Every structure is written in C-alpha cells, then in structure tokens.
Amino acid sequence: MLRIKQMTELIRTKPGFLVLLPVFFVLHGFSRNYDSVPVKDALLLTLIYLGSSLVIAGICWLFYRDFIKAGLIAFLLMAYHFFFGSIQDGITNYLPGSFLLRYRFILPVSFLFFLAAIIWLKKRQKPLISLVFYLNAALLVIILVDAAWLSAKIAGLDKDKPFSLSAQRFSPCDTCIRPDVYFIIADQYTGRVALKEVFNFDNDSFQNELEARGFHIAKNSSSNYNLTPFSIASTLNMDYLELKKGPQNYESVGYSYQVIRNSSVLKFFNANHYQFFNCSIFDFDDHHANKYAAFLPYGIELITSQTFASRLESDFRPDILKGMFGETLQRKMAYKYLHFNDKVFERTRNIASQPGDTPKFIYTHLMMPHYPYYFDSKGNSLPLEKLSGIKKVNSHDYLEYLQYTNKKLLQLVDDILDNSPTPPLIMVLGDHGFRHPEIKTDRKYDFMNMNAVYFPHKNYSLFYDSISNVNEFRVIFNTYFGQHLPLLIDSSTNVLD
C-alpha cells in the first residue's frame, strides 16, 4: 500500500514525462518495425533522445529554477521534434497545398508558440500537478500498451513460417557442384522491350557482349513489383508478398525488409555452408549494408523519418542540391551514390579474387542506372546542376548513363570470370524498370527489366523468355542444386500511386 502511494506521489509531482516521452517514441517506432530496426540502434537512439531532453531541461532550469517548468519546455520541444512529420502529413491530407505547410509560416509560428509557452510558465504561480499527473500517467499507459504489443510480436513471430517456403522443403544434394553465386542488381535497369518501344533505343550490343561471354538473356523478363524493397524481397524469398491492395506505406516497406533479412534464398545458402557477402543497400543478420543508399527510410530511419530534423533534410534536399547552402554540402549530397557504387564495385572485385574453402554467395546492389546520372555514354561527368533533384530525371540522361553502366557491368563480369578461383554462377538483374518517362506510358513498362544469367555448364533449358524475378532462384536451384521447386505464375503488382 505504501509503495502504491509513493508511486502515485511520484507520478503527481515529478517530471517523469521528460524521460517517458523519448522512451515511448522509440519504443513505438521499434514495435511497428520490429526485426527491421537493430536493437542496439534503437537503444542508442533512446539514449541520444534522453540526453537531449535532459540537456534542454538543464538549460531551461537556469531560467526557471523550477524542475517542472524546465521539464515542460523540454517536453514541448521534444514532442515538436518527434511528431512534426505526422502533423505535417495530417495537414497535407486535409489541406493539400495550404500555406500552413510552408516553412515561412511554420517556423515563425512555432517560434511564437514556444515563446508564449515560456513566458506563460514563467508567470504562472499555481502548481501544475494536474498536468504533470496527466502526462506521466498517459505516457506510462501507452508505453505499457506498446511493450505488450512488442512482446506479442516477439512471441508470435516464427521466422521460418511467414518468410520461408512453408509448403516446399529443400532437398539435400550432397553431390551437387557448389559454385560461387553472384547476385548483381542493377537498380532500375529496364528491359529490352521497354527500351525499344518507349525509348526507341536498341540495347542489343550489350546483350550480345554478354551472350558472347556465355550468358543467357531472358528477353521478356519482368519484375513482380515496381519498387525496390518489394522486388528484392520477393526475389530473395522466391514468393509473392502478403500486401494490402494499392499504394504501400512505411509499415509494408518495413515488412519487406523483414522478408529480405529472413529470406528463403539466404536460408538455403546458409544450410549449404555458403559464406555470405553483403554488398547491398540492405541489412542482414550479422551482415550490415555497405551504406544506407536507398531512397526509402531504412533501419533506424523507420523511426526517425517523421521527425523535424528528418523532414527538414528531406524538404530542403532540392535546395541543398541547387547549392543554396554552399557548394561543399551540395557536392557531398549529390555524389553520395557515386561513392557508394565505387565502393560496391571495388568490394565485389576483391571478393571474387579471394580463395576460400567454402563457396560464396555475393549480393551486389548497384544504384545504377538509377538516378543520379553521373556520366554520359562516353564516361564524361555530367555537370553538377544535372544532379540537383529528382526533377532532373529524364530519358536522355538515363539512356546515356545506362550505356555507361553497360561498360561498368561488363568490366565487373570480366573481373569476376577472370579472378574467381572456380567457375562462378552470375546473375545480372534489374529490380524493376524505368519509372519516369516524360510521356505517359502503360504501367507494364515499369516492370520490364534486364535479366542475364551465366551458368558454368551453360545448361539454360529451364529458363524461359518471360521469366519474372520471383522464379529466378527457383530455376537456379532446380538447375544447379538438385531441387524440385514448382514455378509460380508470373505476375506483376503496382505498389505505387
């Protein structure tokens, strides 16, 4: 009984909300994106937010000499930071294009609001017991709800059930040759048909070069989804995703990250004692991404993407790329993906030349010929102003960069073939097609993609021209690893607006 009274007194009189708010914010985001956000990153983020809250409160205490008032101002500032994006989205939904969404309105009004709050608290003489009790009690309740929700997800999550081939088990194949396997994604590399029909461009010279090296080209290949995380998830899990109909949100993107981390392809290679090398934009257990180079929130960004700081960076990104905040920052942001690609090429080549006692599975993900288009077909750098935002996407520069990408891919393939200790198996695959033509086109072109496969023994009898990504590894496992996986019906789903 005494403890209950003491607890009640603490809730009524102490600024626990200052600590509870950051805990709630991170816990709620982590619960929504469980298994997509590393635990240690979530804990570090919590400590950062707690430290920030306490520092702000400490500064405010110098002004108020009152812990409750100092805590309330810190609480308001942190709440504004945490929920800025959600409020902005709510206004956008109900009042699209409103002046309320302009920073020239938001920032002055926000400043006046906080100034008024600071002055009001300074002048107020009455105690704030009711407000303190309400904030503490409300945050405790929703933290407990989120903790229960997270516990239920942890207890009920069977990684082998929702993400693996539940109705199909892999067959052992002790006598199978186990080549090194290179899974190379060229992001947004559109297919042969789309290039001819939409862009009036003939890419046969590149495909002929691949065929001369022994590759098989699926000339009418397609992806199953027109957004990278969903496409890669279905490809690596060899199955379609369980998604709601229509455009997807952050939760379903987080779900696709879960599928990628726990995919059937990774489980198969692990069971066959392959060493996994991650040269991609996605995290896997114990194999972190080279760098978060995706255009969608990933990892801890699934929690922080709605915060004031993240929204500022996102909303002012076009201005930064235009050089309005200085050339140094402009260049750093504009060339981020170029440096990422260079590192991926270098690391993949180094892996190819490494001898080893166990076979290797290498997932290489290149942000090319995806925008930004850094070079023309001859390797000349495009001017910096051409890299200033998504509005610079255009078919001419895309086709130029695609031809440059062709040269880089051929160099990479040659390096792998020349330096691998044993004959490798290589896939060069587009995750989806080009989505930003200047003219309105049929959605089918969003899914047409590049699909080239190299088998050491050159037996491509199970491949077919209209194969989609979901069947890619099924055919490979059936051909090379003695499996008997049924092929799925090839279909494509639009996950964009």
Protein backbone atom coordinates (compact mmCIF):
# COMPACT_ATOMS: atom_id res chain seq x y z
CA MET A 1 0.00 0.00 0.00
CA LEU A 2 2.84 2.35 0.89
CA ARG A 3 4.57 1.66 -2.40
CA ILE A 4 1.39 2.47 -4.34
CA LYS A 5 1.12 5.80 -2.52
CA GLN A 6 4.77 6.55 -3.20
CA MET A 7 4.33 5.68 -6.88
CA THR A 8 1.22 7.86 -7.12
CA GLU A 9 3.06 10.73 -5.48
CA LEU A 10 5.92 10.39 -7.96
CA ILE A 11 3.51 10.43 -10.89
CA ARG A 12 1.78 13.55 -9.48
CA THR A 13 4.85 15.59 -8.62
CA LYS A 14 7.89 14.54 -10.66
CA PRO A 15 8.61 15.39 -14.34
CA GLY A 16 8.88 11.76 -15.37
CA PHE A 17 7.32 12.69 -18.72
CA LEU A 18 10.70 14.10 -19.71
CA VAL A 19 12.11 10.55 -19.72
CA LEU A 20 8.93 8.73 -20.71
CA LEU A 21 8.38 10.67 -23.96
CA PRO A 22 11.66 9.59 -25.68
CA VAL A 23 11.15 6.04 -24.42
CA PHE A 24 7.62 5.97 -25.85
CA PHE A 25 8.66 7.46 -29.20
CA VAL A 26 11.46 4.97 -29.85
CA LEU A 27 9.56 2.00 -28.39
CA HIS A 28 6.52 2.73 -30.54
CA GLY A 29 8.62 3.04 -33.69
CA PHE A 30 10.60 -0.08 -32.84
CA SER A 31 7.41 -2.06 -32.16
CA ARG A 32 5.95 -1.04 -35.51
CA ASN A 33 9.14 -2.03 -37.32
CA TYR A 34 10.28 -4.98 -35.25
CA ASP A 35 13.04 -7.01 -36.92
CA SER A 36 13.71 -4.14 -39.34
CA VAL A 37 15.45 -1.89 -36.80
CA PRO A 38 18.55 -3.25 -34.99
CA VAL A 39 18.03 -3.34 -31.22
CA LYS A 40 21.34 -1.66 -30.46
CA ASP A 41 20.48 1.21 -32.82
CA ALA A 42 17.12 1.68 -31.11
CA LEU A 43 18.80 1.70 -27.68
CA LEU A 44 21.41 4.21 -28.84
CA LEU A 45 18.69 6.43 -30.30
CA THR A 46 16.83 6.30 -26.98
CA LEU A 47 19.94 7.39 -25.11
CA ILE A 48 20.53 10.24 -27.55
CA TYR A 49 16.97 11.49 -27.15
CA LEU A 50 17.11 11.11 -23.36
CA GLY A 51 20.36 13.05 -23.24
CA SER A 52 18.93 15.77 -25.47
CA SER A 53 15.84 16.08 -23.26
CA LEU A 54 17.90 16.37 -20.09
CA VAL A 55 20.28 18.91 -21.62
CA ILE A 56 17.38 21.10 -22.79
CA ALA A 57 15.73 20.78 -19.37
CA GLY A 58 19.01 21.71 -17.68
CA ILE A 59 19.33 24.85 -19.78
CA CYS A 60 15.70 25.78 -19.07
CA TRP A 61 16.25 25.26 -15.34
CA LEU A 62 18.79 28.06 -15.36
CA PHE A 63 15.94 30.33 -16.46
CA TYR A 64 13.09 28.95 -14.33
CA ARG A 65 14.89 27.47 -11.31
CA ASP A 66 11.99 25.02 -11.35
CA PHE A 67 12.33 21.39 -12.49
CA ILE A 68 8.66 21.03 -13.51
CA LYS A 69 8.61 24.14 -15.70
CA ALA A 70 12.01 23.33 -17.21
CA GLY A 71 10.83 19.79 -17.92
CA LEU A 72 7.65 21.01 -19.60
CA ILE A 73 9.51 23.25 -22.04
CA ALA A 74 11.91 20.41 -22.85
CA PHE A 75 8.90 18.10 -23.27
CA LEU A 76 7.23 20.52 -25.71
CA LEU A 77 10.40 20.88 -27.77
CA MET A 78 10.99 17.12 -27.98
CA ALA A 79 7.32 16.46 -28.78
CA TYR A 80 7.51 19.04 -31.56
CA HIS A 81 10.59 17.27 -32.94
CA PHE A 82 9.05 13.79 -32.68
CA PHE A 83 5.62 14.48 -34.15
CA PHE A 84 6.34 17.26 -36.64
CA GLY A 85 6.07 14.96 -39.67
CA SER A 86 2.82 13.36 -38.53
CA ILE A 87 1.20 16.77 -38.02
CA GLN A 88 2.54 17.94 -41.39
CA ASP A 89 1.10 14.85 -43.09
CA GLY A 90 -2.27 15.40 -41.40
CA ILE A 91 -2.44 18.96 -42.72
CA THR A 92 -1.38 17.75 -46.17
CA ASN A 93 -4.20 15.18 -46.25
CA TYR A 94 -6.92 17.67 -45.31
CA LEU A 95 -5.50 20.89 -46.76
CA PRO A 96 -3.16 19.98 -49.63
CA GLY A 97 -1.17 22.96 -50.90
CA SER A 98 -2.11 25.08 -47.90
CA PHE A 99 0.10 27.98 -46.76
CA LEU A 100 0.15 26.18 -43.38
CA LEU A 101 2.67 23.77 -44.90
CA ARG A 102 5.19 26.46 -45.87
CA TYR A 103 8.23 26.82 -43.64
CA ARG A 104 7.99 30.61 -43.90
CA PHE A 105 4.74 30.16 -41.94
CA ILE A 106 5.66 27.12 -39.82
CA LEU A 107 8.92 28.40 -38.35
CA PRO A 108 7.75 31.89 -37.20
CA VAL A 109 4.51 30.48 -35.75
CA SER A 110 6.42 27.72 -33.97
CA PHE A 111 8.82 30.29 -32.51
CA LEU A 112 5.93 32.47 -31.26
CA PHE A 113 4.22 29.41 -29.76
CA PHE A 114 7.29 28.38 -27.78
CA LEU A 115 7.95 31.98 -26.76
CA ALA A 116 4.39 32.27 -25.45
CA ALA A 117 4.73 28.96 -23.59
CA ILE A 118 8.00 30.06 -21.99
CA ILE A 119 6.51 33.37 -20.85
CA TRP A 120 3.29 31.76 -19.60
CA LEU A 121 5.18 29.24 -17.50
CA LYS A 122 7.44 31.95 -16.13
CA LYS A 123 4.47 33.99 -14.95
CA ARG A 124 2.36 31.09 -13.66
CA GLN A 125 2.39 30.79 -9.88
CA LYS A 126 -0.06 27.92 -9.36
CA PRO A 127 1.36 24.38 -9.24
CA LEU A 128 0.99 22.19 -12.33
CA ILE A 129 0.08 18.99 -10.50
CA SER A 130 -2.85 18.02 -12.75
CA LEU A 131 -0.87 18.49 -15.97
CA VAL A 132 2.13 16.60 -14.60
CA PHE A 133 -0.07 13.73 -13.44
CA TYR A 134 -1.87 13.53 -16.79
CA LEU A 135 1.34 13.49 -18.86
CA ASN A 136 3.05 10.93 -16.65
CA ALA A 137 0.01 8.64 -16.43
CA ALA A 138 -0.81 8.83 -20.15
CA LEU A 139 2.75 8.07 -21.21
CA LEU A 140 3.03 5.17 -18.78
CA VAL A 141 -0.17 3.63 -20.11
CA ILE A 142 0.79 3.85 -23.79
CA ILE A 143 4.31 2.59 -23.03
CA LEU A 144 2.80 -0.45 -21.34
CA VAL A 145 0.50 -0.97 -24.33
CA ASP A 146 3.44 -0.77 -26.75
CA ALA A 147 5.51 -3.10 -24.55
CA ALA A 148 2.66 -5.64 -24.58
CA TRP A 149 2.34 -5.24 -28.35
CA LEU A 150 6.08 -5.77 -28.84
CA SER A 151 6.06 -8.82 -26.53
CA ALA A 152 3.22 -10.33 -28.53
CA LYS A 153 5.10 -9.77 -31.79
CA ILE A 154 8.27 -11.30 -30.40
CA ALA A 155 6.42 -14.31 -29.00
CA GLY A 156 4.36 -14.86 -32.14
CA LEU A 157 6.98 -14.25 -34.80
CA ASP A 158 8.06 -17.55 -36.34
CA LYS A 159 10.70 -16.53 -38.85
CA ASP A 160 10.52 -19.83 -40.69
CA LYS A 161 6.75 -19.66 -41.13
CA PRO A 162 5.88 -16.36 -42.83
CA PHE A 163 9.07 -15.89 -44.77
CA SER A 164 10.16 -19.35 -45.93
CA LEU A 165 8.63 -21.74 -48.41
CA SER A 166 6.18 -23.27 -45.96
CA ALA A 167 4.76 -25.84 -48.38
CA GLN A 168 8.04 -26.76 -50.03
CA ARG A 169 11.13 -28.13 -48.31
CA PHE A 170 14.60 -28.06 -49.81
CA SER A 171 16.09 -31.37 -50.81
CA PRO A 172 19.62 -32.28 -49.77
CA CYS A 173 22.12 -32.54 -52.63
CA ASP A 174 25.49 -33.73 -51.36
CA THR A 175 26.82 -34.43 -54.87
CA CYS A 176 25.91 -31.05 -56.36
CA ILE A 177 28.65 -28.73 -57.54
CA ARG A 178 28.50 -25.59 -55.40
CA PRO A 179 29.78 -22.65 -57.45
CA ASP A 180 30.26 -19.16 -56.09
CA VAL A 181 27.00 -17.29 -56.76
CA TYR A 182 26.91 -13.59 -57.68
CA PHE A 183 23.52 -11.89 -57.39
CA ILE A 184 24.08 -8.49 -59.06
CA ILE A 185 21.24 -5.97 -59.03
CA ALA A 186 21.47 -3.01 -61.41
CA ASP A 187 18.85 -0.74 -59.89
CA GLN A 188 16.16 0.43 -62.34
CA TYR A 189 17.74 -1.33 -65.32
CA THR A 190 14.81 -1.57 -67.70
CA GLY A 191 14.23 -4.36 -70.19
CA ARG A 192 14.95 -4.77 -73.88
CA VAL A 193 11.31 -4.38 -74.98
CA ALA A 194 10.75 -1.21 -72.94
CA LEU A 195 13.95 0.31 -74.27
CA LYS A 196 12.79 -0.27 -77.84
CA GLU A 197 9.11 0.61 -77.50
CA VAL A 198 9.29 3.55 -75.08
CA PHE A 199 12.76 5.00 -75.69
CA ASN A 200 13.43 3.81 -79.26
CA PHE A 201 16.79 2.51 -78.07
CA ASP A 202 18.47 -0.72 -79.14
CA ASN A 203 20.45 -2.35 -76.31
CA ASP A 204 21.32 -5.48 -78.26
CA SER A 205 25.03 -4.67 -78.46
CA PHE A 206 25.33 -5.01 -74.68
CA GLN A 207 23.30 -8.19 -74.61
CA ASN A 208 25.39 -9.60 -77.45
CA GLU A 209 28.52 -8.92 -75.40
CA LEU A 210 27.03 -10.86 -72.50
CA GLU A 211 25.98 -13.73 -74.76
CA ALA A 212 29.50 -13.87 -76.22
CA ARG A 213 30.72 -14.49 -72.65
CA GLY A 214 28.25 -17.36 -72.23
CA PHE A 215 25.31 -15.56 -70.61
CA HIS A 216 21.68 -16.42 -71.24
CA ILE A 217 19.36 -13.41 -71.74
CA ALA A 218 15.66 -13.56 -70.84
CA LYS A 219 14.45 -11.04 -73.40
CA ASN A 220 10.94 -10.54 -71.97
CA SER A 221 11.77 -10.70 -68.28
CA SER A 222 9.81 -8.71 -65.70
CA SER A 223 9.91 -7.81 -62.04
CA ASN A 224 6.97 -8.58 -59.76
CA TYR A 225 6.89 -5.18 -58.04
CA ASN A 226 7.89 -1.71 -59.23
CA LEU A 227 9.60 -0.58 -56.03
CA THR A 228 13.00 -1.88 -54.91
CA PRO A 229 12.35 -3.28 -51.38
CA PHE A 230 9.31 -5.25 -52.53
CA SER A 231 11.01 -6.53 -55.66
CA ILE A 232 14.12 -7.70 -53.80
CA ALA A 233 12.04 -9.26 -51.01
CA SER A 234 10.00 -11.39 -53.42
CA THR A 235 13.10 -12.32 -55.45
CA LEU A 236 15.11 -13.47 -52.42
CA ASN A 237 12.14 -15.23 -50.85
CA MET A 238 11.09 -16.83 -54.17
CA ASP A 239 7.49 -15.96 -53.38
CA TYR A 240 4.94 -13.17 -53.60
CA LEU A 241 4.45 -10.81 -50.67
CA GLU A 242 1.40 -10.54 -48.45
CA LEU A 243 0.49 -6.91 -49.08
CA LYS A 244 -2.65 -4.83 -48.85
CA LYS A 245 -4.05 -3.62 -52.15
CA GLY A 246 -2.98 -0.27 -53.56
CA PRO A 247 -0.07 2.04 -52.63
CA GLN A 248 2.09 0.83 -49.76
CA ASN A 249 3.22 2.68 -46.64
CA TYR A 250 6.20 2.63 -44.28
CA GLU A 251 4.83 -0.40 -42.43
CA SER A 252 4.74 -2.55 -45.54
CA VAL A 253 8.20 -1.31 -46.52
CA GLY A 254 9.37 -2.44 -43.08
CA TYR A 255 7.71 -5.79 -43.70
CA SER A 256 9.65 -6.17 -46.96
CA TYR A 257 12.89 -5.56 -45.03
CA GLN A 258 11.90 -8.37 -42.67
CA VAL A 259 11.36 -10.70 -45.62
CA ILE A 260 14.75 -9.79 -47.07
CA ARG A 261 16.54 -10.45 -43.77
CA ASN A 262 14.86 -13.85 -43.33
CA SER A 263 14.51 -14.93 -46.94
CA SER A 264 14.47 -18.48 -48.25
CA VAL A 265 17.45 -17.90 -50.54
CA LEU A 266 19.67 -16.90 -47.61
CA LYS A 267 18.45 -19.87 -45.58
CA PHE A 268 19.23 -22.22 -48.47
CA PHE A 269 22.77 -20.93 -48.93
CA ASN A 270 23.40 -20.97 -45.18
CA ALA A 271 22.22 -24.58 -44.99
CA ASN A 272 24.64 -25.43 -47.82
CA HIS A 273 27.55 -23.84 -45.97
CA TYR A 274 27.95 -20.83 -48.23
CA GLN A 275 29.77 -17.76 -46.98
CA PHE A 276 27.57 -14.70 -47.46
CA PHE A 277 28.98 -11.34 -48.58
CA ASN A 278 26.65 -8.38 -48.40
CA CYS A 279 27.49 -5.63 -50.90
CA SER A 280 23.96 -4.31 -50.97
CA ILE A 281 21.81 -1.49 -49.61
CA PHE A 282 20.01 -3.82 -47.17
CA ASP A 283 20.88 -5.14 -43.74
CA PHE A 284 21.02 -8.85 -43.00
CA ASP A 285 21.61 -10.51 -39.63
CA ASP A 286 25.32 -10.05 -38.82
CA HIS A 287 25.87 -8.66 -42.32
CA HIS A 288 25.24 -4.94 -42.42
CA ALA A 289 24.70 -2.93 -45.57
CA ASN A 290 27.67 -1.14 -47.09
CA LYS A 291 25.75 2.06 -46.63
CA TYR A 292 22.11 3.02 -46.45
CA ALA A 293 21.80 4.25 -50.02
CA ALA A 294 18.10 3.59 -50.56
CA PHE A 295 15.66 6.42 -51.27
CA LEU A 296 13.24 4.97 -48.71
CA PRO A 297 13.68 5.05 -44.91
CA TYR A 298 15.68 2.09 -43.68
CA GLY A 299 16.85 0.81 -40.31
CA ILE A 300 16.67 3.49 -37.65
CA GLU A 301 15.26 5.89 -40.25
CA LEU A 302 11.98 3.97 -40.00
CA ILE A 303 11.68 5.57 -36.54
CA THR A 304 13.19 8.99 -37.24
CA SER A 305 11.79 9.72 -40.72
CA GLN A 306 8.86 11.73 -39.32
CA THR A 307 10.92 13.92 -37.00
CA PHE A 308 11.50 17.63 -37.51
CA ALA A 309 15.20 17.18 -38.35
CA SER A 310 14.50 14.44 -40.91
CA ARG A 311 11.74 16.45 -42.54
CA LEU A 312 13.96 19.49 -42.78
CA GLU A 313 16.68 17.45 -44.50
CA SER A 314 14.15 15.88 -46.87
CA ASP A 315 12.26 19.08 -47.68
CA PHE A 316 15.40 21.17 -48.18
CA ARG A 317 17.24 18.49 -50.12
CA PRO A 318 16.37 20.09 -53.51
CA ASP A 319 17.68 23.45 -52.26
CA ILE A 320 20.87 21.83 -50.98
CA LEU A 321 21.37 20.16 -54.35
CA LYS A 322 20.89 23.52 -56.05
CA GLY A 323 23.76 24.91 -53.99
CA MET A 324 21.69 27.30 -51.87
CA PHE A 325 23.54 26.13 -48.73
CA GLY A 326 27.02 26.09 -50.22
CA GLU A 327 28.89 24.00 -52.78
CA THR A 328 30.55 21.73 -50.20
CA LEU A 329 27.23 20.44 -48.89
CA GLN A 330 25.85 20.33 -52.41
CA ARG A 331 28.65 18.10 -53.69
CA LYS A 332 28.54 15.84 -50.64
CA MET A 333 24.87 15.11 -51.17
CA ALA A 334 24.98 14.97 -54.96
CA TYR A 335 27.85 12.46 -55.19
CA LYS A 336 26.80 10.19 -52.33
CA TYR A 337 25.55 7.41 -54.60
CA LEU A 338 28.57 7.63 -56.91
CA HIS A 339 30.90 6.91 -54.00
CA PHE A 340 28.59 4.10 -52.89
CA ASN A 341 28.74 2.46 -56.33
CA ASP A 342 32.52 2.76 -56.49
CA LYS A 343 32.84 1.00 -53.13
CA VAL A 344 30.48 -1.78 -54.21
CA PHE A 345 32.42 -2.40 -57.44
CA GLU A 346 35.72 -2.49 -55.58
CA ARG A 347 34.47 -4.79 -52.83
CA THR A 348 32.86 -7.22 -55.29
CA ARG A 349 36.11 -7.48 -57.26
CA ASN A 350 38.10 -8.09 -54.10
CA ILE A 351 35.72 -10.85 -53.02
CA ALA A 352 35.97 -12.52 -56.43
CA SER A 353 39.73 -12.88 -56.12
CA GLN A 354 39.68 -14.27 -52.57
CA PRO A 355 40.34 -18.02 -52.34
CA GLY A 356 38.33 -19.94 -49.80
CA ASP A 357 37.46 -23.39 -48.54
CA THR A 358 33.72 -22.70 -48.74
CA PRO A 359 31.60 -21.44 -51.63
CA LYS A 360 30.44 -17.80 -51.61
CA PHE A 361 27.10 -16.08 -52.15
CA ILE A 362 27.60 -12.41 -53.02
CA TYR A 363 24.71 -9.95 -53.19
CA THR A 364 25.85 -6.82 -55.02
CA HIS A 365 23.39 -3.93 -55.39
CA LEU A 366 24.39 -1.02 -57.64
CA MET A 367 22.45 2.26 -57.63
CA MET A 368 22.79 2.49 -61.40
CA PRO A 369 21.50 3.20 -63.97
CA HIS A 370 19.19 4.67 -61.32
CA TYR A 371 19.25 8.46 -60.94
CA PRO A 372 21.50 10.44 -60.29
CA TYR A 373 23.01 10.02 -63.76
CA TYR A 374 26.66 10.82 -63.16
CA PHE A 375 28.15 10.09 -66.61
CA ASP A 376 27.24 10.04 -70.27
CA SER A 377 27.84 7.04 -72.50
CA LYS A 378 31.48 8.02 -73.07
CA GLY A 379 32.26 8.36 -69.36
CA ASN A 380 32.17 12.17 -69.25
CA SER A 381 30.87 13.61 -65.98
CA LEU A 382 27.53 15.38 -66.13
CA PRO A 383 27.50 18.92 -64.68
CA LEU A 384 26.54 19.30 -61.04
CA GLU A 385 23.30 21.10 -61.87
CA LYS A 386 22.07 17.93 -63.61
CA LEU A 387 22.21 16.12 -60.27
CA SER A 388 20.01 18.59 -58.40
CA GLY A 389 16.91 16.62 -57.51
CA ILE A 390 14.51 14.02 -58.81
CA LYS A 391 13.00 16.53 -61.26
CA LYS A 392 16.20 16.13 -63.27
CA VAL A 393 15.20 12.55 -64.15
CA ASN A 394 14.86 12.25 -67.92
CA SER A 395 15.08 9.55 -70.56
CA HIS A 396 18.02 11.06 -72.46
CA ASP A 397 20.38 11.15 -69.48
CA TYR A 398 19.06 7.79 -68.30
CA LEU A 399 19.95 6.16 -71.64
CA GLU A 400 23.39 7.77 -71.59
CA TYR A 401 24.02 6.52 -68.06
CA LEU A 402 22.64 3.09 -68.95
CA GLN A 403 25.28 2.77 -71.68
CA TYR A 404 27.95 3.81 -69.18
CA THR A 405 26.50 1.22 -66.77
CA ASN A 406 26.82 -1.41 -69.50
CA LYS A 407 30.56 -0.82 -69.69
CA LYS A 408 30.94 -0.99 -65.92
CA LEU A 409 28.92 -4.20 -65.72
CA LEU A 410 30.98 -5.85 -68.47
CA GLN A 411 34.18 -4.88 -66.65
CA LEU A 412 32.80 -6.33 -63.42
CA VAL A 413 31.70 -9.55 -65.11
CA ASP A 414 35.10 -9.95 -66.76
CA ASP A 415 36.88 -9.38 -63.46
CA ILE A 416 34.71 -11.99 -61.76
CA LEU A 417 35.23 -14.55 -64.53
CA ASP A 418 38.98 -13.89 -64.72
CA ASN A 419 39.71 -13.82 -60.99
CA SER A 420 37.36 -16.39 -59.48
CA PRO A 421 39.19 -19.47 -58.19
CA THR A 422 36.39 -21.68 -59.61
CA PRO A 423 33.84 -21.02 -62.39
CA PRO A 424 31.11 -18.83 -60.83
CA LEU A 425 27.36 -18.52 -61.36
CA ILE A 426 26.42 -14.90 -62.13
CA MET A 427 23.06 -13.11 -62.29
CA VAL A 428 22.71 -9.56 -63.60
CA LEU A 429 19.18 -8.44 -62.82
CA GLY A 430 17.16 -5.25 -62.83
CA ASP A 431 14.91 -4.92 -59.79
CA HIS A 432 12.34 -3.04 -61.91
CA GLY A 433 12.18 -0.83 -64.99
CA PHE A 434 12.49 2.90 -65.63
CA ARG A 435 9.54 4.66 -63.98
CA HIS A 436 9.92 8.30 -65.04
CA PRO A 437 9.49 8.73 -68.79
CA GLU A 438 8.45 12.22 -69.87
CA ILE A 439 5.48 10.76 -71.74
CA LYS A 440 2.66 8.81 -70.10
CA THR A 441 3.15 5.09 -70.73
CA ASP A 442 1.50 1.83 -69.83
CA ARG A 443 2.33 0.60 -66.32
CA LYS A 444 3.61 -2.66 -67.83
CA TYR A 445 6.86 -0.91 -68.75
CA ASP A 446 7.57 -0.23 -65.05
CA PHE A 447 8.19 -3.95 -64.60
CA MET A 448 10.22 -4.86 -67.70
CA ASN A 449 13.78 -5.48 -66.56
CA MET A 450 17.22 -6.71 -67.51
CA ASN A 451 17.78 -10.42 -66.83
CA ALA A 452 21.07 -12.13 -67.70
CA VAL A 453 22.41 -15.36 -66.17
CA TYR A 454 25.76 -17.11 -66.51
CA PHE A 455 26.00 -20.83 -65.72
CA PRO A 456 29.39 -22.54 -65.84
CA HIS A 457 27.89 -25.62 -67.52
CA LYS A 458 25.76 -23.46 -69.92
CA ASN A 459 22.59 -25.50 -69.37
CA TYR A 460 19.78 -22.93 -69.57
CA SER A 461 16.99 -25.32 -70.53
CA LEU A 462 14.76 -24.40 -67.56
CA PHE A 463 14.90 -20.67 -68.27
CA TYR A 464 12.22 -19.06 -70.40
CA ASP A 465 11.99 -15.63 -72.03
CA SER A 466 9.11 -14.30 -69.91
CA ILE A 467 10.51 -15.34 -66.52
CA SER A 468 9.85 -12.94 -63.65
CA ASN A 469 12.14 -12.31 -60.69
CA VAL A 470 10.13 -14.44 -58.29
CA ASN A 471 11.10 -17.57 -60.25
CA GLU A 472 14.76 -16.66 -60.79
CA PHE A 473 16.21 -18.58 -57.85
CA ARG A 474 13.67 -21.37 -58.24
CA VAL A 475 15.08 -22.10 -61.70
CA ILE A 476 18.65 -21.73 -60.46
CA PHE A 477 18.12 -24.07 -57.51
CA ASN A 478 16.32 -26.62 -59.70
CA THR A 479 19.07 -26.48 -62.33
CA TYR A 480 22.19 -26.39 -60.17
CA PHE A 481 21.27 -27.66 -56.74
CA GLY A 482 19.01 -30.63 -57.40
CA GLN A 483 15.81 -29.00 -56.15
CA HIS A 484 12.27 -29.57 -57.45
CA LEU A 485 10.62 -26.24 -56.70
CA PRO A 486 7.43 -25.56 -58.67
CA LEU A 487 7.42 -22.38 -60.71
CA LEU A 488 4.91 -19.70 -59.73
CA ILE A 489 2.61 -17.91 -62.14
CA ASP A 490 4.46 -14.81 -63.35
CA SER A 491 2.59 -11.63 -62.44
CA SER A 492 3.32 -8.01 -61.50
CA THR A 493 1.79 -5.76 -58.83
CA ASN A 494 1.85 -1.97 -58.78
CA VAL A 495 2.79 -0.72 -55.28
CA LEU A 496 2.98 2.97 -56.23
CA ASP A 497 0.29 5.61 -56.57
